[in-house]
Amino acid sequence: MSLVAAFVAGALAAGYLVIGLFFARFYKRTRDRLFLMFAIAFWVLVVQRIATVLTAEWIEDTTWLYGLRLLAFVIILVAIIDKNRATEG
């Protein structure tokens, strides 16, 4: 992995971490599960970005890294569905 790609991945990881902390703060204030699930999803994205940089040189099969990204987006989707179902009833 090039130095520029590693730098961009690190910047993205830092951004995801900050976004996760904001959602965690909103959860602490409101106790709304939507914010907690969003925070967890963004922290999963942090782990995925860091793992991408750390394993780029020695692992050829990185399918599981995209599985982590998929997990984060599924968590976000579940959070949105859960929030919309809670307000219907």
N, C-alpha and C. Protein backbone atom coordinates (compact mmCIF):
# COMPACT_ATOMS: atom_id res chain seq x y z
N MET A 1 0.86 -1.18 0.00
CA MET A 1 0.00 0.00 0.00
C MET A 1 0.90 1.24 0.00
N SER A 2 0.54 2.18 -0.82
CA SER A 2 1.35 3.39 -0.90
C SER A 2 1.16 4.26 0.34
N LEU A 3 2.07 5.15 0.52
CA LEU A 3 2.03 6.05 1.68
C LEU A 3 0.79 6.95 1.62
N VAL A 4 0.44 7.40 0.43
CA VAL A 4 -0.73 8.27 0.28
C VAL A 4 -2.01 7.51 0.62
N ALA A 5 -2.12 6.27 0.14
CA ALA A 5 -3.31 5.46 0.43
C ALA A 5 -3.42 5.19 1.94
N ALA A 6 -2.29 4.92 2.58
CA ALA A 6 -2.30 4.70 4.03
C ALA A 6 -2.71 5.97 4.77
N PHE A 7 -2.23 7.12 4.29
CA PHE A 7 -2.60 8.39 4.91
C PHE A 7 -4.11 8.65 4.78
N VAL A 8 -4.65 8.40 3.60
CA VAL A 8 -6.09 8.61 3.37
C VAL A 8 -6.90 7.65 4.23
N ALA A 9 -6.47 6.40 4.32
CA ALA A 9 -7.18 5.43 5.17
C ALA A 9 -7.14 5.86 6.64
N GLY A 10 -6.00 6.39 7.08
CA GLY A 10 -5.89 6.88 8.45
C GLY A 10 -6.78 8.09 8.70
N ALA A 11 -6.85 8.98 7.72
CA ALA A 11 -7.73 10.15 7.86
C ALA A 11 -9.19 9.72 7.91
N LEU A 12 -9.55 8.76 7.08
CA LEU A 12 -10.93 8.24 7.12
C LEU A 12 -11.22 7.58 8.47
N ALA A 13 -10.28 6.80 8.98
CA ALA A 13 -10.47 6.15 10.27
C ALA A 13 -10.65 7.19 11.38
N ALA A 14 -9.85 8.24 11.34
CA ALA A 14 -9.98 9.30 12.34
C ALA A 14 -11.34 9.99 12.22
N GLY A 15 -11.78 10.23 11.01
CA GLY A 15 -13.10 10.83 10.81
C GLY A 15 -14.22 9.94 11.30
N TYR A 16 -14.13 8.64 10.99
CA TYR A 16 -15.15 7.70 11.47
C TYR A 16 -15.16 7.65 13.00
N LEU A 17 -13.98 7.70 13.60
CA LEU A 17 -13.89 7.68 15.06
C LEU A 17 -14.58 8.89 15.67
N VAL A 18 -14.34 10.07 15.10
CA VAL A 18 -14.96 11.29 15.61
C VAL A 18 -16.47 11.25 15.43
N ILE A 19 -16.92 10.78 14.28
CA ILE A 19 -18.37 10.67 14.05
C ILE A 19 -18.99 9.70 15.05
N GLY A 20 -18.31 8.57 15.30
CA GLY A 20 -18.79 7.62 16.29
C GLY A 20 -18.88 8.23 17.68
N LEU A 21 -17.89 9.05 18.03
CA LEU A 21 -17.92 9.71 19.34
C LEU A 21 -19.08 10.71 19.45
N PHE A 22 -19.36 11.42 18.35
CA PHE A 22 -20.51 12.33 18.36
C PHE A 22 -21.81 11.56 18.58
N PHE A 23 -21.98 10.44 17.86
CA PHE A 23 -23.20 9.65 18.03
C PHE A 23 -23.27 9.06 19.44
N ALA A 24 -22.13 8.68 20.01
CA ALA A 24 -22.13 8.16 21.38
C ALA A 24 -22.54 9.25 22.36
N ARG A 25 -22.09 10.47 22.11
CA ARG A 25 -22.48 11.58 22.98
C ARG A 25 -23.99 11.85 22.87
N PHE A 26 -24.51 11.80 21.64
CA PHE A 26 -25.94 12.00 21.46
C PHE A 26 -26.73 10.89 22.14
N TYR A 27 -26.20 9.65 22.08
CA TYR A 27 -26.88 8.54 22.77
C TYR A 27 -26.87 8.77 24.27
N LYS A 28 -25.75 9.22 24.80
CA LYS A 28 -25.66 9.46 26.25
C LYS A 28 -26.67 10.51 26.69
N ARG A 29 -26.89 11.49 25.83
CA ARG A 29 -27.83 12.56 26.15
C ARG A 29 -29.29 12.13 26.03
N THR A 30 -29.61 11.36 24.98
CA THR A 30 -31.02 11.06 24.68
C THR A 30 -31.44 9.62 25.01
N ARG A 31 -30.48 8.71 25.13
CA ARG A 31 -30.75 7.28 25.32
C ARG A 31 -31.56 6.68 24.17
N ASP A 32 -31.38 7.23 22.97
CA ASP A 32 -32.04 6.73 21.77
C ASP A 32 -31.14 5.68 21.13
N ARG A 33 -31.68 4.47 20.91
CA ARG A 33 -30.88 3.37 20.35
C ARG A 33 -30.33 3.69 18.97
N LEU A 34 -30.99 4.53 18.22
CA LEU A 34 -30.52 4.90 16.89
C LEU A 34 -29.10 5.45 16.96
N PHE A 35 -28.84 6.34 17.91
CA PHE A 35 -27.53 6.94 18.04
C PHE A 35 -26.48 5.91 18.47
N LEU A 36 -26.85 5.00 19.36
CA LEU A 36 -25.92 3.97 19.79
C LEU A 36 -25.55 3.06 18.62
N MET A 37 -26.53 2.66 17.84
CA MET A 37 -26.25 1.78 16.70
C MET A 37 -25.42 2.49 15.64
N PHE A 38 -25.65 3.77 15.42
CA PHE A 38 -24.83 4.52 14.48
C PHE A 38 -23.39 4.61 14.99
N ALA A 39 -23.21 4.85 16.29
CA ALA A 39 -21.86 4.91 16.85
C ALA A 39 -21.13 3.58 16.65
N ILE A 40 -21.81 2.49 16.92
CA ILE A 40 -21.20 1.17 16.75
C ILE A 40 -20.84 0.94 15.28
N ALA A 41 -21.72 1.32 14.38
CA ALA A 41 -21.45 1.13 12.95
C ALA A 41 -20.22 1.92 12.51
N PHE A 42 -20.08 3.14 12.98
CA PHE A 42 -18.91 3.92 12.59
C PHE A 42 -17.64 3.38 13.22
N TRP A 43 -17.73 2.81 14.42
CA TRP A 43 -16.55 2.20 15.03
C TRP A 43 -16.15 0.93 14.29
N VAL A 44 -17.13 0.20 13.76
CA VAL A 44 -16.80 -0.96 12.92
C VAL A 44 -16.06 -0.49 11.66
N LEU A 45 -16.47 0.65 11.11
CA LEU A 45 -15.77 1.20 9.95
C LEU A 45 -14.34 1.61 10.30
N VAL A 46 -14.12 2.09 11.53
CA VAL A 46 -12.76 2.41 11.98
C VAL A 46 -11.90 1.14 11.97
N VAL A 47 -12.44 0.08 12.54
CA VAL A 47 -11.71 -1.19 12.59
C VAL A 47 -11.40 -1.68 11.18
N GLN A 48 -12.36 -1.54 10.27
CA GLN A 48 -12.17 -1.99 8.90
C GLN A 48 -11.05 -1.19 8.22
N ARG A 49 -11.02 0.11 8.40
CA ARG A 49 -9.98 0.93 7.77
C ARG A 49 -8.60 0.62 8.33
N ILE A 50 -8.51 0.46 9.64
CA ILE A 50 -7.22 0.13 10.25
C ILE A 50 -6.75 -1.24 9.80
N ALA A 51 -7.65 -2.19 9.76
CA ALA A 51 -7.29 -3.54 9.32
C ALA A 51 -6.87 -3.55 7.85
N THR A 52 -7.48 -2.71 7.05
CA THR A 52 -7.10 -2.62 5.64
C THR A 52 -5.65 -2.18 5.51
N VAL A 53 -5.25 -1.20 6.29
CA VAL A 53 -3.88 -0.70 6.22
C VAL A 53 -2.90 -1.74 6.77
N LEU A 54 -3.25 -2.35 7.88
CA LEU A 54 -2.32 -3.27 8.54
C LEU A 54 -2.15 -4.58 7.78
N THR A 55 -3.15 -5.01 7.05
CA THR A 55 -3.08 -6.31 6.38
C THR A 55 -2.85 -6.19 4.88
N ALA A 56 -2.65 -5.01 4.36
CA ALA A 56 -2.54 -4.81 2.91
C ALA A 56 -1.34 -5.54 2.31
N GLU A 57 -0.27 -5.65 3.04
CA GLU A 57 0.94 -6.22 2.47
C GLU A 57 1.01 -7.74 2.55
N TRP A 58 0.35 -8.36 3.52
CA TRP A 58 0.59 -9.78 3.73
C TRP A 58 -0.63 -10.67 3.59
N ILE A 59 -1.78 -10.14 3.30
CA ILE A 59 -2.97 -10.98 3.10
C ILE A 59 -3.52 -10.71 1.71
N GLU A 60 -3.64 -11.77 0.93
CA GLU A 60 -4.16 -11.60 -0.43
C GLU A 60 -5.68 -11.61 -0.44
N ASP A 61 -6.30 -12.42 0.40
CA ASP A 61 -7.76 -12.52 0.43
C ASP A 61 -8.30 -11.56 1.49
N THR A 62 -8.81 -10.44 1.04
CA THR A 62 -9.32 -9.43 1.97
C THR A 62 -10.84 -9.33 1.93
N THR A 63 -11.49 -10.42 1.56
CA THR A 63 -12.95 -10.41 1.49
C THR A 63 -13.57 -10.10 2.84
N TRP A 64 -12.95 -10.59 3.90
CA TRP A 64 -13.51 -10.38 5.24
C TRP A 64 -13.51 -8.89 5.61
N LEU A 65 -12.60 -8.11 5.02
CA LEU A 65 -12.60 -6.68 5.29
C LEU A 65 -13.85 -6.02 4.72
N TYR A 66 -14.27 -6.47 3.58
CA TYR A 66 -15.51 -5.94 3.00
C TYR A 66 -16.73 -6.45 3.76
N GLY A 67 -16.59 -7.60 4.40
CA GLY A 67 -17.64 -8.10 5.28
C GLY A 67 -17.84 -7.18 6.48
N LEU A 68 -16.74 -6.63 7.00
CA LEU A 68 -16.84 -5.67 8.10
C LEU A 68 -17.59 -4.41 7.65
N ARG A 69 -17.27 -3.95 6.45
CA ARG A 69 -17.96 -2.77 5.93
C ARG A 69 -19.45 -3.06 5.73
N LEU A 70 -19.74 -4.26 5.21
CA LEU A 70 -21.14 -4.67 5.05
C LEU A 70 -21.84 -4.71 6.40
N LEU A 71 -21.17 -5.23 7.42
CA LEU A 71 -21.75 -5.28 8.76
C LEU A 71 -22.10 -3.88 9.26
N ALA A 72 -21.24 -2.92 9.02
CA ALA A 72 -21.51 -1.55 9.46
C ALA A 72 -22.75 -0.99 8.77
N PHE A 73 -22.87 -1.22 7.48
CA PHE A 73 -24.03 -0.70 6.76
C PHE A 73 -25.31 -1.44 7.14
N VAL A 74 -25.21 -2.72 7.47
CA VAL A 74 -26.38 -3.47 7.94
C VAL A 74 -26.82 -2.93 9.30
N ILE A 75 -25.88 -2.60 10.17
CA ILE A 75 -26.22 -2.02 11.47
C ILE A 75 -26.96 -0.70 11.28
N ILE A 76 -26.49 0.13 10.35
CA ILE A 76 -27.16 1.40 10.08
C ILE A 76 -28.57 1.16 9.55
N LEU A 77 -28.71 0.21 8.64
CA LEU A 77 -30.03 -0.12 8.10
C LEU A 77 -30.98 -0.63 9.18
N VAL A 78 -30.49 -1.50 10.03
CA VAL A 78 -31.31 -2.02 11.13
C VAL A 78 -31.70 -0.90 12.08
N ALA A 79 -30.79 0.03 12.35
CA ALA A 79 -31.10 1.16 13.23
C ALA A 79 -32.21 2.02 12.66
N ILE A 80 -32.15 2.28 11.36
CA ILE A 80 -33.19 3.10 10.72
C ILE A 80 -34.52 2.39 10.74
N ILE A 81 -34.52 1.10 10.42
CA ILE A 81 -35.77 0.34 10.43
C ILE A 81 -36.34 0.28 11.84
N ASP A 82 -35.47 0.04 12.84
CA ASP A 82 -35.92 -0.02 14.23
C ASP A 82 -36.52 1.31 14.67
N LYS A 83 -35.91 2.40 14.28
CA LYS A 83 -36.43 3.73 14.65
C LYS A 83 -37.78 3.99 14.00
N ASN A 84 -37.95 3.62 12.75
CA ASN A 84 -39.21 3.84 12.06
C ASN A 84 -40.31 2.93 12.57
N ARG A 85 -39.99 1.72 12.95
CA ARG A 85 -41.00 0.83 13.51
C ARG A 85 -41.44 1.29 14.90
N ALA A 86 -40.51 1.86 15.65
CA ALA A 86 -40.84 2.32 17.00
C ALA A 86 -41.79 3.51 16.98
N THR A 87 -41.72 4.35 15.94
CA THR A 87 -42.57 5.52 15.88
C THR A 87 -43.92 5.24 15.24
N GLU A 88 -44.08 4.08 14.59
CA GLU A 88 -45.36 3.74 13.97
C GLU A 88 -46.43 3.45 15.00
N GLY A 89 -46.06 2.69 16.03
CA GLY A 89 -47.04 2.19 16.98
C GLY A 89 -47.36 3.08 18.08
